[in-house]
Amino acid sequence: MNRIDQRFAELKAQGRRALIPYLTAGDPAPQYTVGFLHALVEAGADVLELGVPFSDPMADGPVIQKACERALKHDVRLTHLFEMVREFRRQDSETPIVLMGYLNPVERIGFEAFAEQAAAAGVDGVLTVDMPPEEADEFGPLLKRHGLASIFLVAPTTSQERAATICAHGEGYLYYVALKGVTGAATLNAEDVAEHLAPLRELTTLPLCVGFGIRDGASAAEVGKVADGVIVGSALVSRIAENAERPEAIADELKAVLGEMRQALDALPPR
C-alpha cells in the first residue's frame, strides 16, 4: 500500500484530520530543507508536500514565487529534490512525501526517468499543477506503474462534470483549492468550503484536503470541521522569508506555526 493511503487509513481509524505542510525545496538554501521536513514531522505533519522550484509558478502568490526565486539562486533542480528525499528517508521511512510543481521540469527529465527516480528516492505522490487529467494519459499510468499517486486539484469553479473526471483519475487525496486566485490570497470562508465539498463526496471516496488560505490554528480548525485534511503553504513559507538571514531559527518558527494548527485540529471532535 502506498504510504499516502496507509497514512489516511490510520487517520480515519483514529478519527483525525490530516495536516499537510508545503515547503519549497531549497528555500532559503538547499542544505536546510531536509532539517525543515523533519521539524514539520515533529510538529505533527502527516504528509509532506515538497515544492519543485520553478521560474514561472503561475498558480502561486508572491510568497511562494519569491521562495522559488530564493531556491533557484542556488540552482536547485529536480535531481536535488530526489537527493533531499533520499536523505530524509534515512531517518523517516513512514511519512509520505508528495512532490508539487509544474510540468516543465518533469518534461526536461522525461516522464519515465522522472517516475523511476522519484520512486527510487522514496517519493509517494506527484501533484503537477498544469497537468490536468485529460492530458495525463501517458504520465498517469507511468506514475501508477512506479507506485506513485497522481494527485489533482479541484477549484471552486470546477463543474460537477469535470470534477467527476478529476476524481476518476485522482489517487492519494484530492486537493481542493479553497479560494479563487493564487496561494496566500484572501481569507477563506469555511461555509463556502463545506458547500463545495459536499458534492465532491458524492463523486469519490478519496480524502478531501483543503489548501489556500489556511493561516493559523483557527482557520485550520474551521476547515477541519468539514475536510479530511488541511494543507498549509504560504503561512510557513512566509516564516522562512522573514528569517532567511538567520536560517538556524527557521525550524523552530515552522514548528510553532504547524504545532498550533496540529493542536487546533486535534481538539476537534473525531470525524
C-alpha atoms as a PDB file:
ATOM      1  CA  MET A   1       0.000   0.000   0.000  1.00  0.00           C
ATOM      2  CA  ASN A   2       1.246   3.476  -0.900  1.00  0.00           C
ATOM      3  CA  ARG A   3       2.395   5.432   2.166  1.00  0.00           C
ATOM      4  CA  ILE A   4      -0.262   8.085   1.474  1.00  0.00           C
ATOM      5  CA  ASP A   5      -3.083   5.535   1.527  1.00  0.00           C
ATOM      6  CA  GLN A   6      -1.624   3.961   4.651  1.00  0.00           C
ATOM      7  CA  ARG A   7      -1.441   7.297   6.453  1.00  0.00           C
ATOM      8  CA  PHE A   8      -5.020   8.277   5.610  1.00  0.00           C
ATOM      9  CA  ALA A   9      -6.269   4.839   6.662  1.00  0.00           C
ATOM     10  CA  GLU A  10      -4.569   5.350  10.033  1.00  0.00           C
ATOM     11  CA  LEU A  11      -6.030   8.834  10.410  1.00  0.00           C
ATOM     12  CA  LYS A  12      -9.510   7.610   9.518  1.00  0.00           C
ATOM     13  CA  ALA A  13      -9.286   4.858  12.137  1.00  0.00           C
ATOM     14  CA  GLN A  14      -8.270   7.494  14.692  1.00  0.00           C
ATOM     15  CA  GLY A  15     -10.939   9.986  13.630  1.00  0.00           C
ATOM     16  CA  ARG A  16      -8.240  12.610  12.989  1.00  0.00           C
ATOM     17  CA  ARG A  17      -7.655  15.146  10.207  1.00  0.00           C
ATOM     18  CA  ALA A  18      -4.503  15.187   8.131  1.00  0.00           C
ATOM     19  CA  LEU A  19      -2.145  18.130   8.446  1.00  0.00           C
ATOM     20  CA  ILE A  20      -0.153  18.638   5.242  1.00  0.00           C
ATOM     21  CA  PRO A  21       2.528  21.358   5.169  1.00  0.00           C
ATOM     22  CA  TYR A  22       4.164  22.626   1.980  1.00  0.00           C
ATOM     23  CA  LEU A  23       7.715  23.931   1.591  1.00  0.00           C
ATOM     24  CA  THR A  24       9.640  24.984  -1.486  1.00  0.00           C
ATOM     25  CA  ALA A  25      12.728  22.794  -1.750  1.00  0.00           C
ATOM     26  CA  GLY A  26      15.987  24.721  -1.435  1.00  0.00           C
ATOM     27  CA  ASP A  27      14.483  27.760   0.303  1.00  0.00           C
ATOM     28  CA  PRO A  28      16.406  29.664   1.656  1.00  0.00           C
ATOM     29  CA  ALA A  29      19.252  27.293   0.734  1.00  0.00           C
ATOM     30  CA  PRO A  30      19.342  23.575  -0.139  1.00  0.00           C
ATOM     31  CA  GLN A  31      21.208  22.385   2.953  1.00  0.00           C
ATOM     32  CA  TYR A  32      18.303  23.328   5.238  1.00  0.00           C
ATOM     33  CA  THR A  33      15.384  21.609   3.508  1.00  0.00           C
ATOM     34  CA  VAL A  34      15.699  18.118   4.990  1.00  0.00           C
ATOM     35  CA  GLY A  35      16.021  19.521   8.509  1.00  0.00           C
ATOM     36  CA  PHE A  36      12.869  21.578   7.968  1.00  0.00           C
ATOM     37  CA  LEU A  37      10.982  18.479   6.819  1.00  0.00           C
ATOM     38  CA  HIS A  38      11.958  16.592   9.970  1.00  0.00           C
ATOM     39  CA  ALA A  39      10.930  19.593  12.082  1.00  0.00           C
ATOM     40  CA  LEU A  40       7.486  19.614  10.455  1.00  0.00           C
ATOM     41  CA  VAL A  41       7.025  15.915  11.202  1.00  0.00           C
ATOM     42  CA  GLU A  42       7.983  16.581  14.822  1.00  0.00           C
ATOM     43  CA  ALA A  43       5.316  19.305  14.918  1.00  0.00           C
ATOM     44  CA  GLY A  44       2.597  16.935  13.706  1.00  0.00           C
ATOM     45  CA  ALA A  45       2.726  16.779   9.903  1.00  0.00           C
ATOM     46  CA  ASP A  46       1.009  13.709   8.433  1.00  0.00           C
ATOM     47  CA  VAL A  47       2.021  14.201   4.788  1.00  0.00           C
ATOM     48  CA  LEU A  48       4.722  16.490   3.379  1.00  0.00           C
ATOM     49  CA  GLU A  49       4.392  18.470   0.151  1.00  0.00           C
ATOM     50  CA  LEU A  50       7.766  19.441  -1.285  1.00  0.00           C
ATOM     51  CA  GLY A  51       7.616  22.147  -3.914  1.00  0.00           C
ATOM     52  CA  VAL A  52       9.769  21.956  -7.039  1.00  0.00           C
ATOM     53  CA  PRO A  53      11.271  25.430  -7.664  1.00  0.00           C
ATOM     54  CA  PHE A  54      10.104  26.877 -10.961  1.00  0.00           C
ATOM     55  CA  SER A  55      10.782  30.186 -12.677  1.00  0.00           C
ATOM     56  CA  ASP A  56       7.141  30.905 -13.536  1.00  0.00           C
ATOM     57  CA  PRO A  57       4.853  29.454 -10.819  1.00  0.00           C
ATOM     58  CA  MET A  58       1.585  30.947 -12.108  1.00  0.00           C
ATOM     59  CA  ALA A  59      -0.742  29.343  -9.521  1.00  0.00           C
ATOM     60  CA  ASP A  60       1.297  30.719  -6.644  1.00  0.00           C
ATOM     61  CA  GLY A  61       1.157  34.095  -4.971  1.00  0.00           C
ATOM     62  CA  PRO A  62       4.134  36.340  -4.199  1.00  0.00           C
ATOM     63  CA  VAL A  63       5.191  34.441  -1.064  1.00  0.00           C
ATOM     64  CA  ILE A  64       5.850  31.170  -2.880  1.00  0.00           C
ATOM     65  CA  GLN A  65       7.033  32.907  -6.050  1.00  0.00           C
ATOM     66  CA  LYS A  66       9.789  34.559  -4.004  1.00  0.00           C
ATOM     67  CA  ALA A  67      10.584  31.220  -2.342  1.00  0.00           C
ATOM     68  CA  CYS A  68      11.160  29.766  -5.818  1.00  0.00           C
ATOM     69  CA  GLU A  69      13.435  32.704  -6.636  1.00  0.00           C
ATOM     70  CA  ARG A  70      15.492  32.136  -3.484  1.00  0.00           C
ATOM     71  CA  ALA A  71      15.841  28.430  -4.267  1.00  0.00           C
ATOM     72  CA  LEU A  72      16.703  28.996  -7.922  1.00  0.00           C
ATOM     73  CA  LYS A  73      19.545  31.300  -6.914  1.00  0.00           C
ATOM     74  CA  HIS A  74      21.143  28.085  -5.638  1.00  0.00           C
ATOM     75  CA  ASP A  75      20.328  26.290  -8.911  1.00  0.00           C
ATOM     76  CA  VAL A  76      18.023  23.799  -7.154  1.00  0.00           C
ATOM     77  CA  ARG A  77      16.715  21.228  -9.629  1.00  0.00           C
ATOM     78  CA  LEU A  78      14.581  18.114  -9.585  1.00  0.00           C
ATOM     79  CA  THR A  79      17.630  15.902  -9.145  1.00  0.00           C
ATOM     80  CA  HIS A  80      18.450  17.812  -5.966  1.00  0.00           C
ATOM     81  CA  LEU A  81      14.934  17.105  -4.670  1.00  0.00           C
ATOM     82  CA  PHE A  82      15.457  13.395  -5.197  1.00  0.00           C
ATOM     83  CA  GLU A  83      18.656  13.665  -3.137  1.00  0.00           C
ATOM     84  CA  MET A  84      16.759  15.516  -0.396  1.00  0.00           C
ATOM     85  CA  VAL A  85      14.073  12.847  -0.257  1.00  0.00           C
ATOM     86  CA  ARG A  86      16.692  10.092  -0.094  1.00  0.00           C
ATOM     87  CA  GLU A  87      18.393  11.881   2.790  1.00  0.00           C
ATOM     88  CA  PHE A  88      15.048  12.342   4.578  1.00  0.00           C
ATOM     89  CA  ARG A  89      14.280   8.643   4.174  1.00  0.00           C
ATOM     90  CA  ARG A  90      17.424   7.677   6.097  1.00  0.00           C
ATOM     91  CA  GLN A  91      15.639   8.776   9.270  1.00  0.00           C
ATOM     92  CA  ASP A  92      11.974   8.633   8.300  1.00  0.00           C
ATOM     93  CA  SER A  93      10.612   5.721   6.300  1.00  0.00           C
ATOM     94  CA  GLU A  94       6.945   6.344   7.115  1.00  0.00           C
ATOM     95  CA  THR A  95       5.904   9.953   6.415  1.00  0.00           C
ATOM     96  CA  PRO A  96       4.518  10.303   2.865  1.00  0.00           C
ATOM     97  CA  ILE A  97       6.139  12.862   0.570  1.00  0.00           C
ATOM     98  CA  VAL A  98       4.372  14.482  -2.381  1.00  0.00           C
ATOM     99  CA  LEU A  99       6.291  16.466  -4.991  1.00  0.00           C
ATOM    100  CA  MET A 100       4.301  19.502  -6.072  1.00  0.00           C
ATOM    101  CA  GLY A 101       5.164  21.688  -9.018  1.00  0.00           C
ATOM    102  CA  TYR A 102       4.815  22.340 -12.714  1.00  0.00           C
ATOM    103  CA  LEU A 103       5.227  20.190 -15.794  1.00  0.00           C
ATOM    104  CA  ASN A 104       8.248  21.825 -17.428  1.00  0.00           C
ATOM    105  CA  PRO A 105      10.953  20.445 -15.059  1.00  0.00           C
ATOM    106  CA  VAL A 106       9.406  16.972 -15.364  1.00  0.00           C
ATOM    107  CA  GLU A 107       9.387  17.156 -19.155  1.00  0.00           C
ATOM    108  CA  ARG A 108      13.060  18.181 -19.155  1.00  0.00           C
ATOM    109  CA  ILE A 109      13.994  14.974 -17.334  1.00  0.00           C
ATOM    110  CA  GLY A 110      11.448  12.874 -19.216  1.00  0.00           C
ATOM    111  CA  PHE A 111       8.356  11.174 -17.818  1.00  0.00           C
ATOM    112  CA  GLU A 112       9.886   7.718 -17.489  1.00  0.00           C
ATOM    113  CA  ALA A 113      13.128   8.940 -15.897  1.00  0.00           C
ATOM    114  CA  PHE A 114      11.202  11.175 -13.516  1.00  0.00           C
ATOM    115  CA  ALA A 115       8.920   8.370 -12.347  1.00  0.00           C
ATOM    116  CA  GLU A 116      11.826   5.964 -11.881  1.00  0.00           C
ATOM    117  CA  GLN A 117      13.982   8.442  -9.958  1.00  0.00           C
ATOM    118  CA  ALA A 118      11.122   9.737  -7.806  1.00  0.00           C
ATOM    119  CA  ALA A 119      10.065   6.244  -6.767  1.00  0.00           C
ATOM    120  CA  ALA A 120      13.650   5.163  -6.096  1.00  0.00           C
ATOM    121  CA  ALA A 121      14.210   8.216  -3.894  1.00  0.00           C
ATOM    122  CA  GLY A 122      11.148   7.483  -1.764  1.00  0.00           C
ATOM    123  CA  VAL A 123       8.534   9.863  -3.183  1.00  0.00           C
ATOM    124  CA  ASP A 124       4.916   8.731  -2.758  1.00  0.00           C
ATOM    125  CA  GLY A 125       2.837  11.104  -4.864  1.00  0.00           C
ATOM    126  CA  VAL A 126       3.039  13.791  -7.527  1.00  0.00           C
ATOM    127  CA  LEU A 127       0.894  16.894  -7.980  1.00  0.00           C
ATOM    128  CA  THR A 128       1.632  18.653 -11.246  1.00  0.00           C
ATOM    129  CA  VAL A 129      -0.377  21.873 -11.229  1.00  0.00           C
ATOM    130  CA  ASP A 130      -0.552  22.336 -15.007  1.00  0.00           C
ATOM    131  CA  MET A 131      -1.125  18.681 -15.914  1.00  0.00           C
ATOM    132  CA  PRO A 132      -4.908  18.117 -15.987  1.00  0.00           C
ATOM    133  CA  PRO A 133      -6.195  14.539 -16.013  1.00  0.00           C
ATOM    134  CA  GLU A 134      -7.393  14.942 -19.592  1.00  0.00           C
ATOM    135  CA  GLU A 135      -3.733  15.304 -20.660  1.00  0.00           C
ATOM    136  CA  ALA A 136      -2.223  12.705 -18.333  1.00  0.00           C
ATOM    137  CA  ASP A 137      -2.779   9.633 -20.497  1.00  0.00           C
ATOM    138  CA  GLU A 138       0.972   8.942 -20.672  1.00  0.00           C
ATOM    139  CA  PHE A 139       2.159  10.387 -17.353  1.00  0.00           C
ATOM    140  CA  GLY A 140      -0.569   8.989 -15.092  1.00  0.00           C
ATOM    141  CA  PRO A 141      -0.066   5.301 -15.952  1.00  0.00           C
ATOM    142  CA  LEU A 142       3.710   5.738 -15.648  1.00  0.00           C
ATOM    143  CA  LEU A 143       3.351   7.098 -12.125  1.00  0.00           C
ATOM    144  CA  LYS A 144       0.977   4.300 -11.202  1.00  0.00           C
ATOM    145  CA  ARG A 145       3.354   1.665 -12.522  1.00  0.00           C
ATOM    146  CA  HIS A 146       6.042   3.023 -10.204  1.00  0.00           C
ATOM    147  CA  GLY A 147       3.716   3.153  -7.193  1.00  0.00           C
ATOM    148  CA  LEU A 148       3.317   6.938  -7.239  1.00  0.00           C
ATOM    149  CA  ALA A 149      -0.082   8.531  -6.619  1.00  0.00           C
ATOM    150  CA  SER A 150      -1.393  11.101  -9.113  1.00  0.00           C
ATOM    151  CA  ILE A 151      -2.891  13.937  -7.075  1.00  0.00           C
ATOM    152  CA  PHE A 152      -5.110  16.567  -8.687  1.00  0.00           C
ATOM    153  CA  LEU A 153      -6.554  19.972  -7.850  1.00  0.00           C
ATOM    154  CA  VAL A 154     -10.234  20.888  -7.781  1.00  0.00           C
ATOM    155  CA  ALA A 155     -11.224  24.566  -7.723  1.00  0.00           C
ATOM    156  CA  PRO A 156     -14.394  26.350  -6.564  1.00  0.00           C
ATOM    157  CA  THR A 157     -15.169  26.986 -10.245  1.00  0.00           C
ATOM    158  CA  THR A 158     -14.819  23.324 -11.303  1.00  0.00           C
ATOM    159  CA  SER A 159     -18.055  21.941 -12.737  1.00  0.00           C
ATOM    160  CA  GLN A 160     -19.521  18.750 -11.285  1.00  0.00           C
ATOM    161  CA  GLU A 161     -18.961  17.015 -14.624  1.00  0.00           C
ATOM    162  CA  ARG A 162     -15.262  17.887 -14.713  1.00  0.00           C
ATOM    163  CA  ALA A 163     -14.891  17.143 -11.016  1.00  0.00           C
ATOM    164  CA  ALA A 164     -16.102  13.629 -11.790  1.00  0.00           C
ATOM    165  CA  THR A 165     -13.319  13.248 -14.376  1.00  0.00           C
ATOM    166  CA  ILE A 166     -10.714  14.504 -11.905  1.00  0.00           C
ATOM    167  CA  CYS A 167     -11.982  12.185  -9.177  1.00  0.00           C
ATOM    168  CA  ALA A 168     -11.865   9.216 -11.537  1.00  0.00           C
ATOM    169  CA  HIS A 169      -8.174   9.819 -12.232  1.00  0.00           C
ATOM    170  CA  GLY A 170      -7.096  11.011  -8.788  1.00  0.00           C
ATOM    171  CA  GLU A 171      -5.248   8.963  -6.187  1.00  0.00           C
ATOM    172  CA  GLY A 172      -3.972   9.574  -2.666  1.00  0.00           C
ATOM    173  CA  TYR A 173      -6.135  12.579  -1.865  1.00  0.00           C
ATOM    174  CA  LEU A 174      -7.974  15.354  -3.654  1.00  0.00           C
ATOM    175  CA  TYR A 175      -6.557  18.861  -3.215  1.00  0.00           C
ATOM    176  CA  TYR A 176      -9.464  21.301  -3.005  1.00  0.00           C
ATOM    177  CA  VAL A 177      -8.413  24.897  -3.685  1.00  0.00           C
ATOM    178  CA  ALA A 178     -10.478  26.929  -1.224  1.00  0.00           C
ATOM    179  CA  LEU A 179     -10.069  30.288  -2.963  1.00  0.00           C
ATOM    180  CA  LYS A 180     -10.366  31.769  -6.411  1.00  0.00           C
ATOM    181  CA  GLY A 181      -6.907  33.146  -7.051  1.00  0.00           C
ATOM    182  CA  VAL A 182      -3.349  32.295  -6.079  1.00  0.00           C
ATOM    183  CA  THR A 183      -1.779  30.840  -2.960  1.00  0.00           C
ATOM    184  CA  GLY A 184      -1.704  33.141   0.052  1.00  0.00           C
ATOM    185  CA  ALA A 185      -4.570  35.285  -1.223  1.00  0.00           C
ATOM    186  CA  ALA A 186      -7.650  36.494   0.641  1.00  0.00           C
ATOM    187  CA  THR A 187      -9.382  34.805   3.566  1.00  0.00           C
ATOM    188  CA  LEU A 188     -11.287  31.582   3.143  1.00  0.00           C
ATOM    189  CA  ASN A 189     -14.919  31.023   4.048  1.00  0.00           C
ATOM    190  CA  ALA A 190     -15.420  27.681   5.792  1.00  0.00           C
ATOM    191  CA  GLU A 191     -19.143  27.588   4.969  1.00  0.00           C
ATOM    192  CA  ASP A 192     -18.376  28.045   1.291  1.00  0.00           C
ATOM    193  CA  VAL A 193     -15.784  25.256   1.513  1.00  0.00           C
ATOM    194  CA  ALA A 194     -18.362  22.949   3.106  1.00  0.00           C
ATOM    195  CA  GLU A 195     -20.853  23.653   0.297  1.00  0.00           C
ATOM    196  CA  HIS A 196     -18.291  22.698  -2.337  1.00  0.00           C
ATOM    197  CA  LEU A 197     -17.012  19.593  -0.564  1.00  0.00           C
ATOM    198  CA  ALA A 198     -20.473  18.045  -0.162  1.00  0.00           C
ATOM    199  CA  PRO A 199     -20.993  17.285  -3.896  1.00  0.00           C
ATOM    200  CA  LEU A 200     -17.399  16.066  -4.202  1.00  0.00           C
ATOM    201  CA  ARG A 201     -18.086  13.415  -1.566  1.00  0.00           C
ATOM    202  CA  GLU A 202     -20.759  12.028  -3.890  1.00  0.00           C
ATOM    203  CA  LEU A 203     -18.093  11.507  -6.564  1.00  0.00           C
ATOM    204  CA  THR A 204     -15.169   9.992  -4.685  1.00  0.00           C
ATOM    205  CA  THR A 205     -14.010   8.144  -1.606  1.00  0.00           C
ATOM    206  CA  LEU A 206     -10.658   9.927  -1.759  1.00  0.00           C
ATOM    207  CA  PRO A 207      -9.814  12.080   1.282  1.00  0.00           C
ATOM    208  CA  LEU A 208     -10.708  15.719   0.604  1.00  0.00           C
ATOM    209  CA  CYS A 209      -7.925  18.060   1.681  1.00  0.00           C
ATOM    210  CA  VAL A 210      -8.233  21.828   1.569  1.00  0.00           C
ATOM    211  CA  GLY A 211      -5.498  24.337   0.819  1.00  0.00           C
ATOM    212  CA  PHE A 212      -5.115  28.075   0.067  1.00  0.00           C
ATOM    213  CA  GLY A 213      -5.977  30.482   2.886  1.00  0.00           C
ATOM    214  CA  ILE A 214      -5.018  28.371   5.929  1.00  0.00           C
ATOM    215  CA  ARG A 215      -3.149  30.831   8.105  1.00  0.00           C
ATOM    216  CA  ASP A 216      -3.357  29.716  11.725  1.00  0.00           C
ATOM    217  CA  GLY A 217      -4.922  27.311  14.185  1.00  0.00           C
ATOM    218  CA  ALA A 218      -8.329  28.973  13.982  1.00  0.00           C
ATOM    219  CA  SER A 219      -8.601  28.743  10.177  1.00  0.00           C
ATOM    220  CA  ALA A 220      -7.231  25.188  10.241  1.00  0.00           C
ATOM    221  CA  ALA A 221      -9.887  24.158  12.766  1.00  0.00           C
ATOM    222  CA  GLU A 222     -12.711  25.780  10.783  1.00  0.00           C
ATOM    223  CA  VAL A 223     -11.711  23.878   7.656  1.00  0.00           C
ATOM    224  CA  GLY A 224     -11.021  20.724   9.650  1.00  0.00           C
ATOM    225  CA  LYS A 225     -14.669  20.606  10.669  1.00  0.00           C
ATOM    226  CA  VAL A 226     -15.635  19.756   7.083  1.00  0.00           C
ATOM    227  CA  ALA A 227     -12.442  18.415   5.431  1.00  0.00           C
ATOM    228  CA  ASP A 228     -10.351  15.282   5.816  1.00  0.00           C
ATOM    229  CA  GLY A 229      -7.152  17.273   5.751  1.00  0.00           C
ATOM    230  CA  VAL A 230      -5.715  20.775   5.866  1.00  0.00           C
ATOM    231  CA  ILE A 231      -2.885  21.950   3.593  1.00  0.00           C
ATOM    232  CA  VAL A 232      -0.745  24.920   4.613  1.00  0.00           C
ATOM    233  CA  GLY A 233       1.926  26.590   2.499  1.00  0.00           C
ATOM    234  CA  SER A 234       2.241  30.364   2.481  1.00  0.00           C
ATOM    235  CA  ALA A 235       1.943  30.692   6.263  1.00  0.00           C
ATOM    236  CA  LEU A 236       5.059  28.512   6.588  1.00  0.00           C
ATOM    237  CA  VAL A 237       6.981  29.859   3.614  1.00  0.00           C
ATOM    238  CA  SER A 238       6.485  33.427   4.880  1.00  0.00           C
ATOM    239  CA  ARG A 239       8.262  32.452   8.121  1.00  0.00           C
ATOM    240  CA  ILE A 240      11.193  31.222   6.064  1.00  0.00           C
ATOM    241  CA  ALA A 241      11.304  34.538   4.207  1.00  0.00           C
ATOM    242  CA  GLU A 242      11.199  36.521   7.453  1.00  0.00           C
ATOM    243  CA  ASN A 243      14.140  34.538   8.845  1.00  0.00           C
ATOM    244  CA  ALA A 244      16.141  33.967   5.675  1.00  0.00           C
ATOM    245  CA  GLU A 245      19.126  35.806   7.157  1.00  0.00           C
ATOM    246  CA  ARG A 246      19.115  33.613  10.269  1.00  0.00           C
ATOM    247  CA  PRO A 247      18.191  30.144   8.974  1.00  0.00           C
ATOM    248  CA  GLU A 248      19.116  28.476  12.258  1.00  0.00           C
ATOM    249  CA  ALA A 249      15.881  29.933  13.707  1.00  0.00           C
ATOM    250  CA  ILE A 250      13.580  28.725  10.939  1.00  0.00           C
ATOM    251  CA  ALA A 251      12.917  25.175  12.142  1.00  0.00           C
ATOM    252  CA  ASP A 252      11.525  26.438  15.455  1.00  0.00           C
ATOM    253  CA  GLU A 253       9.400  29.027  13.625  1.00  0.00           C
ATOM    254  CA  LEU A 254       7.928  26.331  11.400  1.00  0.00           C
ATOM    255  CA  LYS A 255       7.245  24.064  14.366  1.00  0.00           C
ATOM    256  CA  ALA A 256       5.442  26.881  16.182  1.00  0.00           C
ATOM    257  CA  VAL A 257       3.112  27.600  13.237  1.00  0.00           C
ATOM    258  CA  LEU A 258       2.370  23.964  12.466  1.00  0.00           C
ATOM    259  CA  GLY A 259       2.137  22.954  16.100  1.00  0.00           C
ATOM    260  CA  GLU A 260      -0.651  25.461  16.681  1.00  0.00           C
ATOM    261  CA  MET A 261      -2.571  24.005  13.748  1.00  0.00           C
ATOM    262  CA  ARG A 262      -2.000  20.434  14.940  1.00  0.00           C
ATOM    263  CA  GLN A 263      -3.322  21.318  18.363  1.00  0.00           C
ATOM    264  CA  ALA A 264      -6.382  23.032  16.892  1.00  0.00           C
ATOM    265  CA  LEU A 265      -7.205  20.085  14.605  1.00  0.00           C
ATOM    266  CA  ASP A 266      -6.754  17.527  17.358  1.00  0.00           C
ATOM    267  CA  ALA A 267      -9.128  19.484  19.593  1.00  0.00           C
ATOM    268  CA  LEU A 268     -11.977  18.881  17.141  1.00  0.00           C
ATOM    269  CA  PRO A 269     -14.420  16.018  17.750  1.00  0.00           C
ATOM    270  CA  PRO A 270     -13.442  12.808  15.915  1.00  0.00           C
ATOM    271  CA  ARG A 271     -14.738  12.598  12.340  1.00  0.00           C
END
